[in-house]
Amino acid sequence: MAGQVDVAKSTEAKFVPEDRKGLHKPNSIEWMLMVTGIAICGIGSWAILVGLAIFFASFYSGFFIRPPINRGLYFGSCPHCGALMSATHYQEKLDCPSCQGMVRIHNGRYEAI
């Protein structure tokens, strides 16, 4: 049956959190808001306050507020062929770079699909 997981075919996927000291990385929305804030400043004198408020709020959010999710990588071996593989913190399903077998990440394990 499609989509079922074979429990016998799973391997450990060790999660290695992103080690960030100091400033954090802004996401794409925060970068877009910084650019938008600067662009709004060009509309007129009244818009400078609005544009700067948007810019500084997104700058502060992007660099000084820790993201609510734990960013990092999963490292382990493919449950299909045993090849080493890695996945980012936001991936739920991926294919093995060696055998192209579908794998999902669940409870700290790579599970064959």
C-alpha atoms as a PDB file:
ATOM      1  CA  MET A   1       0.000   0.000   0.000  1.00  0.00           C
ATOM      2  CA  ALA A   2       1.337   3.412  -0.984  1.00  0.00           C
ATOM      3  CA  GLY A   3       2.499   5.749   1.765  1.00  0.00           C
ATOM      4  CA  GLN A   4       2.908   3.110   4.478  1.00  0.00           C
ATOM      5  CA  VAL A   5       6.156   2.870   6.384  1.00  0.00           C
ATOM      6  CA  ASP A   6       8.059  -0.408   6.681  1.00  0.00           C
ATOM      7  CA  VAL A   7       9.062  -0.386  10.366  1.00  0.00           C
ATOM      8  CA  ALA A   8      11.833  -2.878   9.756  1.00  0.00           C
ATOM      9  CA  LYS A   9      13.489  -0.431   7.364  1.00  0.00           C
ATOM     10  CA  SER A  10      14.493   2.542   9.466  1.00  0.00           C
ATOM     11  CA  THR A  11      17.791   3.991  10.643  1.00  0.00           C
ATOM     12  CA  GLU A  12      18.767   6.580  13.226  1.00  0.00           C
ATOM     13  CA  ALA A  13      18.848  10.197  12.010  1.00  0.00           C
ATOM     14  CA  LYS A  14      20.984  12.209  14.424  1.00  0.00           C
ATOM     15  CA  PHE A  15      19.854  15.853  14.682  1.00  0.00           C
ATOM     16  CA  VAL A  16      22.672  18.395  14.863  1.00  0.00           C
ATOM     17  CA  PRO A  17      21.308  21.831  15.806  1.00  0.00           C
ATOM     18  CA  GLU A  18      22.636  24.931  14.107  1.00  0.00           C
ATOM     19  CA  ASP A  19      25.285  26.438  16.372  1.00  0.00           C
ATOM     20  CA  ARG A  20      24.857  30.203  16.139  1.00  0.00           C
ATOM     21  CA  LYS A  21      26.626  32.529  18.488  1.00  0.00           C
ATOM     22  CA  GLY A  22      25.641  36.179  18.380  1.00  0.00           C
ATOM     23  CA  LEU A  23      23.552  37.328  15.445  1.00  0.00           C
ATOM     24  CA  HIS A  24      20.909  35.134  13.850  1.00  0.00           C
ATOM     25  CA  LYS A  25      20.059  34.778  10.161  1.00  0.00           C
ATOM     26  CA  PRO A  26      17.058  36.723   8.818  1.00  0.00           C
ATOM     27  CA  ASN A  27      14.572  34.720   6.780  1.00  0.00           C
ATOM     28  CA  SER A  28      13.337  35.790   3.345  1.00  0.00           C
ATOM     29  CA  ILE A  29      10.323  37.689   4.708  1.00  0.00           C
ATOM     30  CA  GLU A  30      12.531  39.780   6.978  1.00  0.00           C
ATOM     31  CA  TRP A  31      14.903  40.576   4.088  1.00  0.00           C
ATOM     32  CA  MET A  32      11.907  41.549   1.932  1.00  0.00           C
ATOM     33  CA  LEU A  33      10.550  43.827   4.663  1.00  0.00           C
ATOM     34  CA  MET A  34      13.939  45.535   5.063  1.00  0.00           C
ATOM     35  CA  VAL A  35      14.040  46.310   1.337  1.00  0.00           C
ATOM     36  CA  THR A  36      10.387  47.414   1.368  1.00  0.00           C
ATOM     37  CA  GLY A  37      11.042  49.741   4.311  1.00  0.00           C
ATOM     38  CA  ILE A  38      13.907  51.422   2.434  1.00  0.00           C
ATOM     39  CA  ALA A  39      11.764  51.691  -0.726  1.00  0.00           C
ATOM     40  CA  ILE A  40       8.884  53.314   1.194  1.00  0.00           C
ATOM     41  CA  CYS A  41      11.309  55.997   2.414  1.00  0.00           C
ATOM     42  CA  GLY A  42      11.536  57.257  -1.197  1.00  0.00           C
ATOM     43  CA  ILE A  43       7.801  58.076  -1.453  1.00  0.00           C
ATOM     44  CA  GLY A  44       7.926  61.297   0.525  1.00  0.00           C
ATOM     45  CA  SER A  45       8.799  62.929   3.794  1.00  0.00           C
ATOM     46  CA  TRP A  46       5.818  61.431   5.678  1.00  0.00           C
ATOM     47  CA  ALA A  47       6.727  57.926   4.501  1.00  0.00           C
ATOM     48  CA  ILE A  48      10.251  58.097   5.895  1.00  0.00           C
ATOM     49  CA  LEU A  49       8.954  57.384   9.404  1.00  0.00           C
ATOM     50  CA  VAL A  50       6.853  54.449   8.197  1.00  0.00           C
ATOM     51  CA  GLY A  51       9.666  53.066   6.041  1.00  0.00           C
ATOM     52  CA  LEU A  52      12.261  53.343   8.797  1.00  0.00           C
ATOM     53  CA  ALA A  53       9.889  51.717  11.302  1.00  0.00           C
ATOM     54  CA  ILE A  54       9.373  48.759   8.953  1.00  0.00           C
ATOM     55  CA  PHE A  55      13.108  48.516   8.240  1.00  0.00           C
ATOM     56  CA  PHE A  56      14.246  48.623  11.864  1.00  0.00           C
ATOM     57  CA  ALA A  57      11.502  46.239  13.071  1.00  0.00           C
ATOM     58  CA  SER A  58      12.433  43.628  10.451  1.00  0.00           C
ATOM     59  CA  PHE A  59      16.179  44.190  11.031  1.00  0.00           C
ATOM     60  CA  TYR A  60      15.758  43.672  14.777  1.00  0.00           C
ATOM     61  CA  SER A  61      13.540  40.631  14.243  1.00  0.00           C
ATOM     62  CA  GLY A  62      15.945  39.071  11.753  1.00  0.00           C
ATOM     63  CA  PHE A  63      19.200  39.515  13.620  1.00  0.00           C
ATOM     64  CA  PHE A  64      18.342  39.657  17.325  1.00  0.00           C
ATOM     65  CA  ILE A  65      15.290  37.425  17.921  1.00  0.00           C
ATOM     66  CA  ARG A  66      15.965  33.690  17.995  1.00  0.00           C
ATOM     67  CA  PRO A  67      13.701  31.721  15.612  1.00  0.00           C
ATOM     68  CA  PRO A  68      10.945  29.671  17.309  1.00  0.00           C
ATOM     69  CA  ILE A  69      12.043  26.477  15.523  1.00  0.00           C
ATOM     70  CA  ASN A  70      15.252  24.600  16.182  1.00  0.00           C
ATOM     71  CA  ARG A  71      17.251  24.884  12.945  1.00  0.00           C
ATOM     72  CA  GLY A  72      19.724  22.175  12.051  1.00  0.00           C
ATOM     73  CA  LEU A  73      20.510  19.048  10.041  1.00  0.00           C
ATOM     74  CA  TYR A  74      19.685  15.354  10.321  1.00  0.00           C
ATOM     75  CA  PHE A  75      22.564  12.980   9.559  1.00  0.00           C
ATOM     76  CA  GLY A  76      22.266   9.228   9.090  1.00  0.00           C
ATOM     77  CA  SER A  77      22.198   6.428   6.564  1.00  0.00           C
ATOM     78  CA  CYS A  78      19.549   5.491   4.013  1.00  0.00           C
ATOM     79  CA  PRO A  79      17.262   2.667   5.209  1.00  0.00           C
ATOM     80  CA  HIS A  80      17.121   1.346   1.618  1.00  0.00           C
ATOM     81  CA  CYS A  81      20.813   1.140   0.635  1.00  0.00           C
ATOM     82  CA  GLY A  82      22.838   2.327   3.657  1.00  0.00           C
ATOM     83  CA  ALA A  83      24.374   5.371   1.918  1.00  0.00           C
ATOM     84  CA  LEU A  84      25.096   8.415   4.087  1.00  0.00           C
ATOM     85  CA  MET A  85      22.529  11.190   3.737  1.00  0.00           C
ATOM     86  CA  SER A  86      21.488  14.424   5.378  1.00  0.00           C
ATOM     87  CA  ALA A  87      18.318  16.492   5.566  1.00  0.00           C
ATOM     88  CA  THR A  88      17.458  19.958   6.825  1.00  0.00           C
ATOM     89  CA  HIS A  89      15.177  20.637   9.785  1.00  0.00           C
ATOM     90  CA  TYR A  90      12.190  21.483   7.576  1.00  0.00           C
ATOM     91  CA  GLN A  91      12.225  18.430   5.297  1.00  0.00           C
ATOM     92  CA  GLU A  92       9.646  15.742   5.975  1.00  0.00           C
ATOM     93  CA  LYS A  93      10.284  13.489   2.968  1.00  0.00           C
ATOM     94  CA  LEU A  94      13.306  13.203   0.704  1.00  0.00           C
ATOM     95  CA  ASP A  95      14.881  10.805  -1.736  1.00  0.00           C
ATOM     96  CA  CYS A  96      18.216   9.109  -1.206  1.00  0.00           C
ATOM     97  CA  PRO A  97      20.990  10.647  -3.339  1.00  0.00           C
ATOM     98  CA  SER A  98      22.356   7.156  -4.109  1.00  0.00           C
ATOM     99  CA  CYS A  99      19.364   4.869  -4.729  1.00  0.00           C
ATOM    100  CA  GLN A 100      16.560   7.469  -5.103  1.00  0.00           C
ATOM    101  CA  GLY A 101      14.471   5.548  -2.549  1.00  0.00           C
ATOM    102  CA  MET A 102      11.903   7.712  -0.737  1.00  0.00           C
ATOM    103  CA  VAL A 103      12.603   8.339   2.952  1.00  0.00           C
ATOM    104  CA  ARG A 104      10.707  10.251   5.612  1.00  0.00           C
ATOM    105  CA  ILE A 105      12.061  11.722   8.838  1.00  0.00           C
ATOM    106  CA  HIS A 106      10.008  10.768  11.863  1.00  0.00           C
ATOM    107  CA  ASN A 107      10.931  10.826  15.565  1.00  0.00           C
ATOM    108  CA  GLY A 108      14.665  11.095  14.903  1.00  0.00           C
ATOM    109  CA  ARG A 109      14.744   8.250  12.370  1.00  0.00           C
ATOM    110  CA  TYR A 110      14.979   7.874   8.605  1.00  0.00           C
ATOM    111  CA  GLU A 111      12.109   5.567   7.621  1.00  0.00           C
ATOM    112  CA  ALA A 112      11.734   3.866   4.239  1.00  0.00           C
ATOM    113  CA  ILE A 113       8.537   4.736   2.375  1.00  0.00           C
END
